[in-house]
Structure formats: structure tokens, C-alpha cells
Amino acid sequence: MPLIRLQKINESSYVGMWRVDEELGWFLGQVDLKLEEVDSFEKISNHYKKLEWLSTRTLMKSLTAKIDVEYPGIVKDDHGKPFLRDHSHPISVTHSFPYVAAIVHKKKEVGIDLEKLKPEKILRIAPKFMSDKEFDFSDHNPRISTLIWCAKESLYKLHGRKFVIFKDDLEIEPFQLADNGELVGHVSLPDLKGQFILNYETTEQFFITYTVC
């Protein structure tokens, strides 16, 4: 199954999701990799990581086409934040095999994250990324805890810099868990402060959140 969603957020932004069922050869035929991209690809040894890497770029090519931009390739800065090679439009990407997701905006910074439900792991690490208020609200519910983590990852990617303390610098307000909806997040960093709305969707096993600055 290739592209499973290509959703218009507004006139300036699209979000997409891909389920990876194809082989490496198929993806290699979809995008024209630039020299530096070929070098990055060849350094990946894990087969599934190669699939995620290629499918992300195939998806981004579909997204940029929706805003009438020729896909220029993806590069990363020193913090690991991805950019279109020509820095023309802000993007964010995420993957949790076999799914990859991405978002593009004509002008504004964006953040997206995709997480698979892993109840034992998320409850084990919850005290490390949730404030006392968030921890009490989550009430040891792995789905609520995963959604909070997913939302904070989206805010982290929106900011795009290292050395963010999830427990202290990012906050998600209490919410009523549903199949989809909106979350309210807060960022308290020297170069990014404010309230942000995050869209989210949940399935039995996967969670996705995204936001626009």
C-alpha cells in the first residue's frame, strides 16, 4: 500500500502518511537523489531504515507537488532538523515502521510525530518526560501517556534545536482522549515561547500529532 493519506490543512500546508509495503528498488525509482543524499543513503546499513529514508522522500515529493514546488531533496542541519535542500519551505518528517508521515508549509515552521503504542516502555519512561501535573492527569494510562509524548515530540521538532528538557520546557494541557481532536501545548524556551494547537489522530496501535507555528 503506497500513499494512504494526503490531507490539505489549509491553502499553505499539507500533511501526508505512507504505509511502507514496497521494496527498495521501487522507491529508488521514485526520487532523483542528489549527491549528498546518495552519500547519506549508502551509510545506512539497516534494511528497514533504508525503506523509511526513501519512503519519507517519496512522500515529501508528493507533498511539495501539492503546493506547486518541485521536490529539491532533503538535508539536515547540525541539530538534525530536516529542510528542503533549497530551504524554500519548512517541513517536518517522522516514521514508525511501517508508517512514515510528513508535513510541509509554505512559510511557517511545522512539527509532526508518529508513535507506536508500547505500553510497558511508555509507562516506564513517563516520569522522565512528563511534569507532575501531566503524570497525575495521565493516571498511568499508556494511551494518554503516548499521546503526550507524541505531542511533545511534535513541539520539539517545531523548535528544531537540541537540549530541550521535555519535562520542564514543554507542557500539554489535560484533554479528553478521542480518536482525533486538538491538544493545547506550551513551549517555554529562550527562542520559542507560547501556546500551540496540535492536531492528533489515534488508532489502536498508532498515534500522530502535528502543529504549525
C-alpha atoms as a PDB file:
ATOM      1  CA  MET A   1       0.000   0.000   0.000  1.00  0.00           C
ATOM      2  CA  PRO A   2       1.646   3.292  -1.057  1.00  0.00           C
ATOM      3  CA  LEU A   3       0.306   6.734  -0.137  1.00  0.00           C
ATOM      4  CA  ILE A   4      -2.626   6.322   2.251  1.00  0.00           C
ATOM      5  CA  ARG A   5      -3.319   9.972   3.037  1.00  0.00           C
ATOM      6  CA  LEU A   6      -2.595  13.362   1.549  1.00  0.00           C
ATOM      7  CA  GLN A   7      -4.563  15.921   3.527  1.00  0.00           C
ATOM      8  CA  LYS A   8      -4.897  19.626   2.977  1.00  0.00           C
ATOM      9  CA  ILE A   9      -4.606  21.539   6.240  1.00  0.00           C
ATOM     10  CA  ASN A  10      -5.125  24.947   4.635  1.00  0.00           C
ATOM     11  CA  GLU A  11      -4.084  26.807   1.480  1.00  0.00           C
ATOM     12  CA  SER A  12      -0.448  26.776   2.602  1.00  0.00           C
ATOM     13  CA  SER A  13       0.041  23.360   4.182  1.00  0.00           C
ATOM     14  CA  TYR A  14      -0.378  19.628   3.564  1.00  0.00           C
ATOM     15  CA  VAL A  15       0.203  16.549   5.708  1.00  0.00           C
ATOM     16  CA  GLY A  16       0.659  13.016   4.410  1.00  0.00           C
ATOM     17  CA  MET A  17       1.149   9.424   5.547  1.00  0.00           C
ATOM     18  CA  TRP A  18       2.598   6.383   3.777  1.00  0.00           C
ATOM     19  CA  ARG A  19       2.492   2.692   4.650  1.00  0.00           C
ATOM     20  CA  VAL A  20       5.707   1.047   3.517  1.00  0.00           C
ATOM     21  CA  ASP A  21       4.920  -2.155   1.620  1.00  0.00           C
ATOM     22  CA  GLU A  22       7.178  -1.573  -1.396  1.00  0.00           C
ATOM     23  CA  GLU A  23      10.722  -2.794  -1.981  1.00  0.00           C
ATOM     24  CA  LEU A  24      13.844  -0.615  -2.018  1.00  0.00           C
ATOM     25  CA  GLY A  25      14.123  -0.747  -5.805  1.00  0.00           C
ATOM     26  CA  TRP A  26      10.663   0.715  -6.252  1.00  0.00           C
ATOM     27  CA  PHE A  27      11.432   3.689  -4.008  1.00  0.00           C
ATOM     28  CA  LEU A  28      14.771   4.296  -5.711  1.00  0.00           C
ATOM     29  CA  GLY A  29      12.840   4.817  -8.924  1.00  0.00           C
ATOM     30  CA  GLN A  30      10.572   7.462  -7.386  1.00  0.00           C
ATOM     31  CA  VAL A  31      13.040  10.183  -6.404  1.00  0.00           C
ATOM     32  CA  ASP A  32      16.137  11.621  -8.033  1.00  0.00           C
ATOM     33  CA  LEU A  33      18.614  11.619  -5.149  1.00  0.00           C
ATOM     34  CA  LYS A  34      21.161  14.419  -5.002  1.00  0.00           C
ATOM     35  CA  LEU A  35      24.850  13.601  -4.482  1.00  0.00           C
ATOM     36  CA  GLU A  36      24.808  14.310  -0.743  1.00  0.00           C
ATOM     37  CA  GLU A  37      21.612  12.269  -0.380  1.00  0.00           C
ATOM     38  CA  VAL A  38      23.196   9.281  -2.107  1.00  0.00           C
ATOM     39  CA  ASP A  39      26.088   9.514   0.328  1.00  0.00           C
ATOM     40  CA  SER A  40      23.713   9.605   3.319  1.00  0.00           C
ATOM     41  CA  PHE A  41      21.660   6.704   1.964  1.00  0.00           C
ATOM     42  CA  GLU A  42      24.694   4.495   1.422  1.00  0.00           C
ATOM     43  CA  LYS A  43      25.749   4.991   5.053  1.00  0.00           C
ATOM     44  CA  ILE A  44      22.515   3.368   6.279  1.00  0.00           C
ATOM     45  CA  SER A  45      23.065  -0.330   6.969  1.00  0.00           C
ATOM     46  CA  ASN A  46      19.651  -1.389   8.313  1.00  0.00           C
ATOM     47  CA  HIS A  47      17.232  -2.505   5.585  1.00  0.00           C
ATOM     48  CA  TYR A  48      14.147  -1.049   7.276  1.00  0.00           C
ATOM     49  CA  LYS A  49      15.889   2.261   7.965  1.00  0.00           C
ATOM     50  CA  LYS A  50      16.688   2.441   4.258  1.00  0.00           C
ATOM     51  CA  LEU A  51      12.990   1.918   3.479  1.00  0.00           C
ATOM     52  CA  GLU A  52      11.971   4.633   5.943  1.00  0.00           C
ATOM     53  CA  TRP A  53      14.551   7.026   4.498  1.00  0.00           C
ATOM     54  CA  LEU A  54      13.416   6.506   0.901  1.00  0.00           C
ATOM     55  CA  SER A  55       9.676   6.441   1.618  1.00  0.00           C
ATOM     56  CA  THR A  56       9.982   9.721   3.540  1.00  0.00           C
ATOM     57  CA  ARG A  57      11.434  11.390   0.467  1.00  0.00           C
ATOM     58  CA  THR A  58       8.843   9.824  -1.814  1.00  0.00           C
ATOM     59  CA  LEU A  59       6.094  11.162   0.439  1.00  0.00           C
ATOM     60  CA  MET A  60       7.673  14.615   0.594  1.00  0.00           C
ATOM     61  CA  LYS A  61       7.800  14.694  -3.200  1.00  0.00           C
ATOM     62  CA  SER A  62       4.011  14.171  -3.215  1.00  0.00           C
ATOM     63  CA  LEU A  63       3.515  16.903  -0.625  1.00  0.00           C
ATOM     64  CA  THR A  64       5.641  19.532  -2.364  1.00  0.00           C
ATOM     65  CA  ALA A  65       3.780  18.859  -5.599  1.00  0.00           C
ATOM     66  CA  LYS A  66       0.583  19.892  -3.809  1.00  0.00           C
ATOM     67  CA  ILE A  67       2.000  23.359  -3.107  1.00  0.00           C
ATOM     68  CA  ASP A  68       3.404  23.626  -6.658  1.00  0.00           C
ATOM     69  CA  VAL A  69       7.030  23.112  -5.658  1.00  0.00           C
ATOM     70  CA  GLU A  70       9.456  20.827  -7.453  1.00  0.00           C
ATOM     71  CA  TYR A  71      10.960  18.474  -4.873  1.00  0.00           C
ATOM     72  CA  PRO A  72      14.594  19.569  -4.319  1.00  0.00           C
ATOM     73  CA  GLY A  73      15.732  16.884  -1.874  1.00  0.00           C
ATOM     74  CA  ILE A  74      16.071  16.857   1.920  1.00  0.00           C
ATOM     75  CA  VAL A  75      19.080  17.863   4.033  1.00  0.00           C
ATOM     76  CA  LYS A  76      19.569  18.229   7.801  1.00  0.00           C
ATOM     77  CA  ASP A  77      21.190  20.968   9.874  1.00  0.00           C
ATOM     78  CA  ASP A  78      23.607  20.493  12.787  1.00  0.00           C
ATOM     79  CA  HIS A  79      20.683  19.810  15.135  1.00  0.00           C
ATOM     80  CA  GLY A  80      19.274  17.067  12.898  1.00  0.00           C
ATOM     81  CA  LYS A  81      16.309  19.165  11.768  1.00  0.00           C
ATOM     82  CA  PRO A  82      15.320  18.336   8.158  1.00  0.00           C
ATOM     83  CA  PHE A  83      14.955  21.002   5.483  1.00  0.00           C
ATOM     84  CA  LEU A  84      14.166  21.043   1.816  1.00  0.00           C
ATOM     85  CA  ARG A  85      17.522  21.316   0.077  1.00  0.00           C
ATOM     86  CA  ASP A  86      16.737  24.806  -1.237  1.00  0.00           C
ATOM     87  CA  HIS A  87      15.291  25.888   2.155  1.00  0.00           C
ATOM     88  CA  SER A  88      12.218  27.087   0.282  1.00  0.00           C
ATOM     89  CA  HIS A  89       9.516  25.782   2.648  1.00  0.00           C
ATOM     90  CA  PRO A  90       9.501  24.436   6.229  1.00  0.00           C
ATOM     91  CA  ILE A  91       8.967  20.682   6.618  1.00  0.00           C
ATOM     92  CA  SER A  92       8.891  18.017   9.315  1.00  0.00           C
ATOM     93  CA  VAL A  93       9.084  14.234   8.974  1.00  0.00           C
ATOM     94  CA  THR A  94       8.559  11.203  11.202  1.00  0.00           C
ATOM     95  CA  HIS A  95       8.464   7.435  10.973  1.00  0.00           C
ATOM     96  CA  SER A  96       7.471   4.380  12.974  1.00  0.00           C
ATOM     97  CA  PHE A  97       7.729   1.373  10.700  1.00  0.00           C
ATOM     98  CA  PRO A  98       5.803   0.517   8.606  1.00  0.00           C
ATOM     99  CA  TYR A  99       4.442   4.088   8.537  1.00  0.00           C
ATOM    100  CA  VAL A 100       6.066   7.384   7.657  1.00  0.00           C
ATOM    101  CA  ALA A 101       4.438  10.805   7.816  1.00  0.00           C
ATOM    102  CA  ALA A 102       5.419  14.334   6.834  1.00  0.00           C
ATOM    103  CA  ILE A 103       4.135  17.893   6.731  1.00  0.00           C
ATOM    104  CA  VAL A 104       5.046  20.917   4.612  1.00  0.00           C
ATOM    105  CA  HIS A 105       4.075  24.580   4.890  1.00  0.00           C
ATOM    106  CA  LYS A 106       4.763  27.441   2.506  1.00  0.00           C
ATOM    107  CA  LYS A 107       6.037  29.777   5.243  1.00  0.00           C
ATOM    108  CA  LYS A 108       5.509  28.638   8.842  1.00  0.00           C
ATOM    109  CA  GLU A 109       7.569  26.185  10.881  1.00  0.00           C
ATOM    110  CA  VAL A 110       5.917  22.810  11.438  1.00  0.00           C
ATOM    111  CA  GLY A 111       6.344  19.742  13.623  1.00  0.00           C
ATOM    112  CA  ILE A 112       4.992  16.201  13.254  1.00  0.00           C
ATOM    113  CA  ASP A 113       5.421  12.937  15.137  1.00  0.00           C
ATOM    114  CA  LEU A 114       4.209   9.358  14.764  1.00  0.00           C
ATOM    115  CA  GLU A 115       4.403   6.863  17.623  1.00  0.00           C
ATOM    116  CA  LYS A 116       3.540   3.205  18.046  1.00  0.00           C
ATOM    117  CA  LEU A 117       1.830   2.187  21.279  1.00  0.00           C
ATOM    118  CA  LYS A 118       4.301   0.366  23.543  1.00  0.00           C
ATOM    119  CA  PRO A 119       2.553   0.275  26.934  1.00  0.00           C
ATOM    120  CA  GLU A 120       5.344  -1.099  29.106  1.00  0.00           C
ATOM    121  CA  LYS A 121       8.006   1.211  27.679  1.00  0.00           C
ATOM    122  CA  ILE A 122       5.925   4.406  27.768  1.00  0.00           C
ATOM    123  CA  LEU A 123       4.867   3.866  31.395  1.00  0.00           C
ATOM    124  CA  ARG A 124       8.467   3.168  32.379  1.00  0.00           C
ATOM    125  CA  ILE A 125       9.790   6.423  30.908  1.00  0.00           C
ATOM    126  CA  ALA A 126       6.726   8.606  31.668  1.00  0.00           C
ATOM    127  CA  PRO A 127       8.240  10.254  34.798  1.00  0.00           C
ATOM    128  CA  LYS A 128      11.206  11.372  32.702  1.00  0.00           C
ATOM    129  CA  PHE A 129       9.217  13.441  30.172  1.00  0.00           C
ATOM    130  CA  MET A 130       6.009  14.407  31.999  1.00  0.00           C
ATOM    131  CA  SER A 131       5.564  17.092  34.627  1.00  0.00           C
ATOM    132  CA  ASP A 132       3.877  16.150  37.903  1.00  0.00           C
ATOM    133  CA  LYS A 133       0.644  17.672  36.603  1.00  0.00           C
ATOM    134  CA  GLU A 134       0.798  15.670  33.365  1.00  0.00           C
ATOM    135  CA  PHE A 135       1.755  12.496  35.218  1.00  0.00           C
ATOM    136  CA  ASP A 136      -1.232  12.826  37.556  1.00  0.00           C
ATOM    137  CA  PHE A 137      -3.550  13.509  34.631  1.00  0.00           C
ATOM    138  CA  SER A 138      -2.279  10.507  32.645  1.00  0.00           C
ATOM    139  CA  ASP A 139      -3.173   8.214  35.562  1.00  0.00           C
ATOM    140  CA  HIS A 140      -0.830   5.509  34.224  1.00  0.00           C
ATOM    141  CA  ASN A 141      -2.894   5.235  31.038  1.00  0.00           C
ATOM    142  CA  PRO A 142      -0.473   4.170  28.264  1.00  0.00           C
ATOM    143  CA  ARG A 143      -2.595   5.728  25.510  1.00  0.00           C
ATOM    144  CA  ILE A 144      -2.731   9.124  27.213  1.00  0.00           C
ATOM    145  CA  SER A 145       0.977   8.902  28.040  1.00  0.00           C
ATOM    146  CA  THR A 146       1.858   8.027  24.443  1.00  0.00           C
ATOM    147  CA  LEU A 147      -0.186  10.924  23.094  1.00  0.00           C
ATOM    148  CA  ILE A 148       1.539  13.348  25.470  1.00  0.00           C
ATOM    149  CA  TRP A 149       4.934  12.042  24.334  1.00  0.00           C
ATOM    150  CA  CYS A 150       3.886  12.282  20.673  1.00  0.00           C
ATOM    151  CA  ALA A 151       2.682  15.862  21.128  1.00  0.00           C
ATOM    152  CA  LYS A 152       5.883  16.902  22.880  1.00  0.00           C
ATOM    153  CA  GLU A 153       7.927  15.349  20.077  1.00  0.00           C
ATOM    154  CA  SER A 154       5.987  17.482  17.575  1.00  0.00           C
ATOM    155  CA  LEU A 155       6.717  20.612  19.609  1.00  0.00           C
ATOM    156  CA  TYR A 156      10.378  19.612  19.868  1.00  0.00           C
ATOM    157  CA  LYS A 157      10.570  19.214  16.082  1.00  0.00           C
ATOM    158  CA  LEU A 158       8.788  22.538  15.636  1.00  0.00           C
ATOM    159  CA  HIS A 159      11.533  24.186  17.688  1.00  0.00           C
ATOM    160  CA  GLY A 160      14.223  22.180  15.925  1.00  0.00           C
ATOM    161  CA  ARG A 161      17.060  22.606  18.426  1.00  0.00           C
ATOM    162  CA  LYS A 162      18.823  20.275  20.833  1.00  0.00           C
ATOM    163  CA  PHE A 163      18.958  20.494  24.631  1.00  0.00           C
ATOM    164  CA  VAL A 164      15.189  20.692  25.188  1.00  0.00           C
ATOM    165  CA  ILE A 165      14.029  19.238  28.518  1.00  0.00           C
ATOM    166  CA  PHE A 166      10.650  17.680  27.761  1.00  0.00           C
ATOM    167  CA  LYS A 167       9.582  17.588  31.403  1.00  0.00           C
ATOM    168  CA  ASP A 168      10.269  21.280  32.038  1.00  0.00           C
ATOM    169  CA  ASP A 169      10.231  23.105  28.690  1.00  0.00           C
ATOM    170  CA  LEU A 170       7.189  21.509  27.033  1.00  0.00           C
ATOM    171  CA  GLU A 171       3.707  21.156  28.502  1.00  0.00           C
ATOM    172  CA  ILE A 172       0.477  19.567  27.249  1.00  0.00           C
ATOM    173  CA  GLU A 173      -2.786  20.672  28.821  1.00  0.00           C
ATOM    174  CA  PRO A 174      -5.237  17.991  30.090  1.00  0.00           C
ATOM    175  CA  PHE A 175      -7.512  16.645  27.360  1.00  0.00           C
ATOM    176  CA  GLN A 176     -10.356  14.248  26.703  1.00  0.00           C
ATOM    177  CA  LEU A 177      -8.896  11.326  24.759  1.00  0.00           C
ATOM    178  CA  ALA A 178     -10.726  10.609  21.483  1.00  0.00           C
ATOM    179  CA  ASP A 179      -9.996   9.098  18.085  1.00  0.00           C
ATOM    180  CA  ASN A 180      -8.995  12.565  16.883  1.00  0.00           C
ATOM    181  CA  GLY A 181      -9.025  16.144  18.060  1.00  0.00           C
ATOM    182  CA  GLU A 182      -6.854  19.010  19.214  1.00  0.00           C
ATOM    183  CA  LEU A 183      -4.350  19.389  22.019  1.00  0.00           C
ATOM    184  CA  VAL A 184      -3.036  22.578  23.585  1.00  0.00           C
ATOM    185  CA  GLY A 185       0.709  22.694  24.097  1.00  0.00           C
ATOM    186  CA  HIS A 186       3.044  25.250  25.641  1.00  0.00           C
ATOM    187  CA  VAL A 187       6.717  25.865  24.901  1.00  0.00           C
ATOM    188  CA  SER A 188       8.974  27.727  27.329  1.00  0.00           C
ATOM    189  CA  LEU A 189      12.348  28.144  25.660  1.00  0.00           C
ATOM    190  CA  PRO A 190      14.579  31.210  25.229  1.00  0.00           C
ATOM    191  CA  ASP A 191      13.984  31.355  21.468  1.00  0.00           C
ATOM    192  CA  LEU A 192      10.447  29.960  21.352  1.00  0.00           C
ATOM    193  CA  LYS A 193       7.688  30.722  23.820  1.00  0.00           C
ATOM    194  CA  GLY A 194       3.939  30.441  23.513  1.00  0.00           C
ATOM    195  CA  GLN A 195       0.869  28.306  23.116  1.00  0.00           C
ATOM    196  CA  PHE A 196       0.408  25.974  20.175  1.00  0.00           C
ATOM    197  CA  ILE A 197      -2.511  23.909  18.900  1.00  0.00           C
ATOM    198  CA  LEU A 198      -1.714  20.338  17.886  1.00  0.00           C
ATOM    199  CA  ASN A 199      -3.972  18.142  15.780  1.00  0.00           C
ATOM    200  CA  TYR A 200      -3.975  14.469  16.653  1.00  0.00           C
ATOM    201  CA  GLU A 201      -5.355  11.143  15.478  1.00  0.00           C
ATOM    202  CA  THR A 202      -5.228   7.759  17.174  1.00  0.00           C
ATOM    203  CA  THR A 203      -5.738   4.166  16.101  1.00  0.00           C
ATOM    204  CA  GLU A 204      -5.457   1.002  18.144  1.00  0.00           C
ATOM    205  CA  GLN A 205      -1.675   0.941  17.730  1.00  0.00           C
ATOM    206  CA  PHE A 206      -0.505   4.301  16.336  1.00  0.00           C
ATOM    207  CA  PHE A 207      -0.659   7.984  17.293  1.00  0.00           C
ATOM    208  CA  ILE A 208       0.104  11.005  15.146  1.00  0.00           C
ATOM    209  CA  THR A 209       0.299  14.677  16.091  1.00  0.00           C
ATOM    210  CA  TYR A 210       1.263  17.762  14.128  1.00  0.00           C
ATOM    211  CA  THR A 211       1.382  21.501  14.625  1.00  0.00           C
ATOM    212  CA  VAL A 212       2.067  24.710  12.734  1.00  0.00           C
ATOM    213  CA  CYS A 213       3.909  27.638  14.356  1.00  0.00           C
END
